[in-house]
């Protein structure tokens, strides 16, 4: 049981990293339009991804938009049970010039 839960975490982590690397390459303006003004978690965009024949849901949350225009984004994944229900998360910052930092 423990090894299955650990393997599930690895699968979630690998799937999230794959999605996140691709998501980070999106244009600043496209991300800004996708996320728009949010009034709560119900407004978060959710993407479905199949990885290793398992269905996963990835939510995208705009944490903050700073005065210099940088946007702070967090990606959360769900879809498999893990030990204590802990799931991987990915966060990054996107600048207006399109560059990304962590």
N, C-alpha and C. Protein backbone atom coordinates (compact mmCIF):
# COMPACT_ATOMS: atom_id res chain seq x y z
N UNK A 1 0.82 -1.19 0.00
CA UNK A 1 0.00 0.00 0.00
C UNK A 1 0.86 1.26 0.00
N UNK A 2 1.86 1.30 0.89
CA UNK A 2 2.74 2.47 0.99
C UNK A 2 3.47 2.71 -0.33
N UNK A 3 3.99 1.66 -0.94
CA UNK A 3 4.72 1.84 -2.20
C UNK A 3 3.79 2.33 -3.32
N UNK A 4 2.53 1.91 -3.30
CA UNK A 4 1.57 2.38 -4.32
C UNK A 4 1.32 3.87 -4.14
N UNK A 5 1.15 4.31 -2.89
CA UNK A 5 0.92 5.73 -2.62
C UNK A 5 2.15 6.56 -3.00
N UNK A 6 3.33 6.03 -2.72
CA UNK A 6 4.55 6.73 -3.10
C UNK A 6 4.69 6.80 -4.62
N UNK A 7 4.34 5.71 -5.30
CA UNK A 7 4.38 5.68 -6.76
C UNK A 7 3.36 6.67 -7.34
N UNK A 8 2.19 6.76 -6.73
CA UNK A 8 1.19 7.73 -7.17
C UNK A 8 1.72 9.15 -7.08
N UNK A 9 2.43 9.46 -6.00
CA UNK A 9 3.00 10.81 -5.85
C UNK A 9 4.01 11.07 -6.96
N UNK A 10 4.83 10.07 -7.27
CA UNK A 10 5.82 10.21 -8.34
C UNK A 10 5.13 10.46 -9.67
N UNK A 11 4.07 9.72 -9.94
CA UNK A 11 3.32 9.89 -11.20
C UNK A 11 2.73 11.31 -11.26
N UNK A 12 2.12 11.76 -10.17
CA UNK A 12 1.57 13.11 -10.13
C UNK A 12 2.66 14.17 -10.35
N UNK A 13 3.77 13.97 -9.69
CA UNK A 13 4.88 14.91 -9.79
C UNK A 13 5.42 14.97 -11.23
N UNK A 14 5.62 13.82 -11.85
CA UNK A 14 6.11 13.77 -13.23
C UNK A 14 5.11 14.41 -14.19
N UNK A 15 3.84 14.12 -13.99
CA UNK A 15 2.80 14.68 -14.85
C UNK A 15 2.74 16.21 -14.70
N UNK A 16 2.83 16.69 -13.47
CA UNK A 16 2.77 18.12 -13.22
C UNK A 16 3.98 18.82 -13.82
N UNK A 17 5.15 18.25 -13.67
CA UNK A 17 6.35 18.88 -14.23
C UNK A 17 6.24 18.96 -15.75
N UNK A 18 5.77 17.90 -16.38
CA UNK A 18 5.60 17.89 -17.83
C UNK A 18 4.63 19.00 -18.26
N UNK A 19 3.50 19.09 -17.60
CA UNK A 19 2.50 20.11 -17.92
C UNK A 19 3.06 21.51 -17.64
N UNK A 20 3.71 21.68 -16.48
CA UNK A 20 4.19 22.99 -16.06
C UNK A 20 5.24 23.55 -17.01
N UNK A 21 6.16 22.71 -17.45
CA UNK A 21 7.21 23.17 -18.39
C UNK A 21 6.58 23.71 -19.66
N UNK A 22 5.56 23.04 -20.13
CA UNK A 22 4.84 23.48 -21.33
C UNK A 22 4.04 24.75 -21.03
N UNK A 23 3.36 24.77 -19.90
CA UNK A 23 2.53 25.90 -19.51
C UNK A 23 3.36 27.17 -19.34
N UNK A 24 4.56 27.05 -18.79
CA UNK A 24 5.44 28.20 -18.58
C UNK A 24 5.83 28.88 -19.88
N UNK A 25 5.84 28.14 -20.98
CA UNK A 25 6.22 28.71 -22.27
C UNK A 25 5.14 29.59 -22.88
N UNK A 26 3.97 29.60 -22.29
CA UNK A 26 2.89 30.44 -22.82
C UNK A 26 3.27 31.91 -22.74
N UNK A 27 2.75 32.65 -23.69
CA UNK A 27 2.97 34.08 -23.77
C UNK A 27 2.37 34.77 -22.53
N UNK A 28 3.01 35.83 -22.08
CA UNK A 28 2.55 36.59 -20.91
C UNK A 28 1.11 37.05 -21.08
N UNK A 29 0.81 37.61 -22.24
CA UNK A 29 -0.54 38.13 -22.50
C UNK A 29 -1.57 37.01 -22.48
N UNK A 30 -1.22 35.86 -23.05
CA UNK A 30 -2.14 34.72 -23.04
C UNK A 30 -2.42 34.26 -21.62
N UNK A 31 -1.39 34.22 -20.78
CA UNK A 31 -1.58 33.82 -19.38
C UNK A 31 -2.44 34.85 -18.65
N UNK A 32 -2.18 36.10 -18.90
CA UNK A 32 -2.94 37.17 -18.26
C UNK A 32 -4.43 37.07 -18.62
N UNK A 33 -4.71 36.80 -19.90
CA UNK A 33 -6.10 36.66 -20.34
C UNK A 33 -6.75 35.41 -19.77
N UNK A 34 -6.00 34.32 -19.74
CA UNK A 34 -6.53 33.06 -19.21
C UNK A 34 -6.91 33.21 -17.74
N UNK A 35 -6.06 33.86 -16.98
CA UNK A 35 -6.28 33.97 -15.54
C UNK A 35 -7.21 35.10 -15.18
N UNK A 36 -7.14 36.20 -15.90
CA UNK A 36 -8.05 37.33 -15.68
C UNK A 36 -8.25 37.67 -14.21
N UNK A 37 -9.21 38.54 -13.93
CA UNK A 37 -9.51 38.84 -12.52
C UNK A 37 -10.29 37.68 -11.91
N UNK A 38 -9.78 37.14 -10.85
CA UNK A 38 -10.41 35.98 -10.21
C UNK A 38 -11.10 36.40 -8.92
N UNK A 39 -12.25 35.79 -8.70
CA UNK A 39 -12.96 36.10 -7.45
C UNK A 39 -12.92 34.94 -6.48
N UNK A 40 -12.19 33.89 -6.83
CA UNK A 40 -12.08 32.77 -5.91
C UNK A 40 -11.71 31.49 -6.62
N UNK A 41 -11.53 30.39 -5.85
CA UNK A 41 -11.10 29.12 -6.41
C UNK A 41 -12.02 28.57 -7.50
N UNK A 42 -13.30 28.91 -7.46
CA UNK A 42 -14.22 28.39 -8.46
C UNK A 42 -13.91 28.96 -9.85
N UNK A 43 -13.14 30.05 -9.92
CA UNK A 43 -12.80 30.68 -11.19
C UNK A 43 -11.47 30.18 -11.76
N UNK A 44 -10.77 29.32 -11.04
CA UNK A 44 -9.47 28.83 -11.50
C UNK A 44 -9.66 27.94 -12.73
N UNK A 45 -8.86 28.19 -13.78
CA UNK A 45 -8.91 27.28 -14.92
C UNK A 45 -8.42 25.89 -14.51
N UNK A 46 -9.07 24.86 -15.04
CA UNK A 46 -8.68 23.48 -14.74
C UNK A 46 -8.44 22.76 -16.06
N UNK A 47 -7.32 22.04 -16.12
CA UNK A 47 -6.95 21.29 -17.31
C UNK A 47 -6.94 19.81 -16.97
N UNK A 48 -7.36 19.00 -17.92
CA UNK A 48 -7.32 17.55 -17.74
C UNK A 48 -6.12 17.01 -18.51
N UNK A 49 -5.38 16.11 -17.88
CA UNK A 49 -4.19 15.52 -18.49
C UNK A 49 -4.20 14.02 -18.23
N UNK A 50 -3.89 13.25 -19.26
CA UNK A 50 -3.72 11.81 -19.08
C UNK A 50 -2.23 11.52 -19.10
N UNK A 51 -1.77 10.85 -18.07
CA UNK A 51 -0.35 10.55 -17.91
C UNK A 51 -0.23 9.13 -17.39
N UNK A 52 0.54 8.31 -18.07
CA UNK A 52 0.67 6.89 -17.70
C UNK A 52 -0.71 6.25 -17.55
N UNK A 53 -1.60 6.58 -18.47
CA UNK A 53 -2.96 6.04 -18.53
C UNK A 53 -3.82 6.40 -17.31
N UNK A 54 -3.45 7.46 -16.63
CA UNK A 54 -4.21 7.93 -15.47
C UNK A 54 -4.71 9.34 -15.76
N UNK A 55 -5.95 9.62 -15.39
CA UNK A 55 -6.56 10.93 -15.60
C UNK A 55 -6.24 11.85 -14.42
N UNK A 56 -5.74 13.04 -14.73
CA UNK A 56 -5.38 14.01 -13.70
C UNK A 56 -6.01 15.35 -14.01
N UNK A 57 -6.26 16.11 -12.97
CA UNK A 57 -6.78 17.47 -13.12
C UNK A 57 -5.74 18.45 -12.56
N UNK A 58 -5.45 19.48 -13.34
CA UNK A 58 -4.47 20.48 -12.93
C UNK A 58 -5.17 21.83 -12.87
N UNK A 59 -5.17 22.44 -11.70
CA UNK A 59 -5.78 23.76 -11.55
C UNK A 59 -4.68 24.82 -11.59
N UNK A 60 -5.03 25.96 -12.13
CA UNK A 60 -4.10 27.08 -12.28
C UNK A 60 -4.62 28.23 -11.43
N UNK A 61 -3.78 28.71 -10.55
CA UNK A 61 -4.19 29.77 -9.63
C UNK A 61 -3.27 30.98 -9.78
N UNK A 62 -3.85 32.13 -10.05
CA UNK A 62 -3.10 33.38 -10.06
C UNK A 62 -3.00 33.84 -8.61
N UNK A 63 -1.81 33.82 -8.06
CA UNK A 63 -1.59 34.20 -6.67
C UNK A 63 -1.54 35.72 -6.52
N UNK A 64 -0.78 36.36 -7.41
CA UNK A 64 -0.64 37.81 -7.29
C UNK A 64 -0.12 38.38 -8.61
N UNK A 65 -0.42 39.63 -8.82
CA UNK A 65 0.17 40.40 -9.92
C UNK A 65 0.83 41.60 -9.28
N UNK A 66 2.15 41.69 -9.43
CA UNK A 66 2.92 42.72 -8.75
C UNK A 66 2.94 44.02 -9.52
N UNK A 67 3.36 45.09 -8.86
CA UNK A 67 3.39 46.42 -9.48
C UNK A 67 4.22 46.46 -10.75
N UNK A 68 5.29 45.65 -10.80
CA UNK A 68 6.14 45.64 -11.98
C UNK A 68 5.55 44.79 -13.12
N UNK A 69 4.37 44.18 -12.87
CA UNK A 69 3.69 43.40 -13.89
C UNK A 69 3.92 41.90 -13.78
N UNK A 70 4.89 41.47 -12.98
CA UNK A 70 5.14 40.04 -12.81
C UNK A 70 3.90 39.36 -12.24
N UNK A 71 3.62 38.16 -12.76
CA UNK A 71 2.49 37.40 -12.21
C UNK A 71 3.01 36.12 -11.55
N UNK A 72 2.45 35.82 -10.42
CA UNK A 72 2.81 34.65 -9.62
C UNK A 72 1.72 33.60 -9.84
N UNK A 73 2.12 32.45 -10.36
CA UNK A 73 1.18 31.40 -10.73
C UNK A 73 1.52 30.11 -9.99
N UNK A 74 0.48 29.42 -9.51
CA UNK A 74 0.66 28.12 -8.87
C UNK A 74 -0.21 27.10 -9.59
N UNK A 75 0.40 25.94 -9.88
CA UNK A 75 -0.31 24.83 -10.50
C UNK A 75 -0.44 23.72 -9.47
N UNK A 76 -1.64 23.17 -9.31
CA UNK A 76 -1.90 22.07 -8.38
C UNK A 76 -2.49 20.91 -9.16
N UNK A 77 -2.12 19.71 -8.77
CA UNK A 77 -2.58 18.51 -9.47
C UNK A 77 -3.33 17.58 -8.52
N UNK A 78 -4.29 16.87 -9.08
CA UNK A 78 -5.05 15.88 -8.31
C UNK A 78 -5.45 14.76 -9.26
N UNK A 79 -5.80 13.63 -8.70
CA UNK A 79 -6.26 12.53 -9.53
C UNK A 79 -5.90 11.15 -9.00
N UNK A 80 -4.93 11.10 -8.09
CA UNK A 80 -4.53 9.82 -7.50
C UNK A 80 -4.38 9.99 -5.99
N UNK A 81 -4.69 8.94 -5.24
CA UNK A 81 -4.49 9.03 -3.79
C UNK A 81 -2.99 8.99 -3.46
N UNK A 82 -2.60 9.77 -2.46
CA UNK A 82 -1.21 9.79 -2.01
C UNK A 82 -1.19 9.70 -0.49
N UNK A 83 -0.01 9.45 0.04
CA UNK A 83 0.16 9.35 1.48
C UNK A 83 -0.23 10.68 2.13
N UNK A 84 -1.14 10.64 3.07
CA UNK A 84 -1.65 11.80 3.79
C UNK A 84 -2.34 12.81 2.87
N UNK A 85 -2.63 12.43 1.64
CA UNK A 85 -3.32 13.33 0.71
C UNK A 85 -2.46 14.47 0.20
N UNK A 86 -1.15 14.39 0.43
CA UNK A 86 -0.24 15.45 0.00
C UNK A 86 0.01 15.32 -1.50
N UNK A 87 -0.20 16.41 -2.23
CA UNK A 87 -0.03 16.41 -3.68
C UNK A 87 1.05 17.42 -4.07
N UNK A 88 1.75 17.16 -5.17
CA UNK A 88 2.76 18.12 -5.62
C UNK A 88 2.13 19.41 -6.13
N UNK A 89 2.90 20.46 -6.10
CA UNK A 89 2.48 21.78 -6.56
C UNK A 89 3.65 22.40 -7.31
N UNK A 90 3.38 23.32 -8.21
CA UNK A 90 4.43 23.97 -9.01
C UNK A 90 4.13 25.45 -9.03
N UNK A 91 5.13 26.27 -8.72
CA UNK A 91 4.89 27.70 -8.79
C UNK A 91 6.00 28.38 -9.57
N UNK A 92 5.62 29.44 -10.25
CA UNK A 92 6.58 30.22 -11.01
C UNK A 92 6.07 31.65 -11.16
N UNK A 93 6.95 32.50 -11.63
CA UNK A 93 6.64 33.90 -11.88
C UNK A 93 6.91 34.18 -13.35
N UNK A 94 6.02 34.93 -13.97
CA UNK A 94 6.16 35.27 -15.38
C UNK A 94 6.30 36.79 -15.50
N UNK A 95 7.35 37.22 -16.24
CA UNK A 95 7.56 38.64 -16.48
C UNK A 95 6.90 39.07 -17.78
N UNK A 96 6.67 40.35 -17.92
CA UNK A 96 6.07 40.88 -19.14
C UNK A 96 6.90 40.55 -20.38
N UNK A 97 8.22 40.45 -20.22
CA UNK A 97 9.08 40.15 -21.38
C UNK A 97 9.02 38.68 -21.76
N UNK A 98 8.22 37.88 -21.03
CA UNK A 98 8.05 36.48 -21.34
C UNK A 98 8.96 35.53 -20.58
N UNK A 99 9.93 36.08 -19.87
CA UNK A 99 10.83 35.21 -19.11
C UNK A 99 10.14 34.69 -17.86
N UNK A 100 10.65 33.59 -17.36
CA UNK A 100 10.07 32.90 -16.20
C UNK A 100 11.15 32.78 -15.13
N UNK A 101 10.77 32.94 -13.88
CA UNK A 101 11.68 32.67 -12.77
C UNK A 101 10.90 32.01 -11.64
N UNK A 102 11.65 31.48 -10.67
CA UNK A 102 11.03 30.69 -9.60
C UNK A 102 11.27 31.30 -8.24
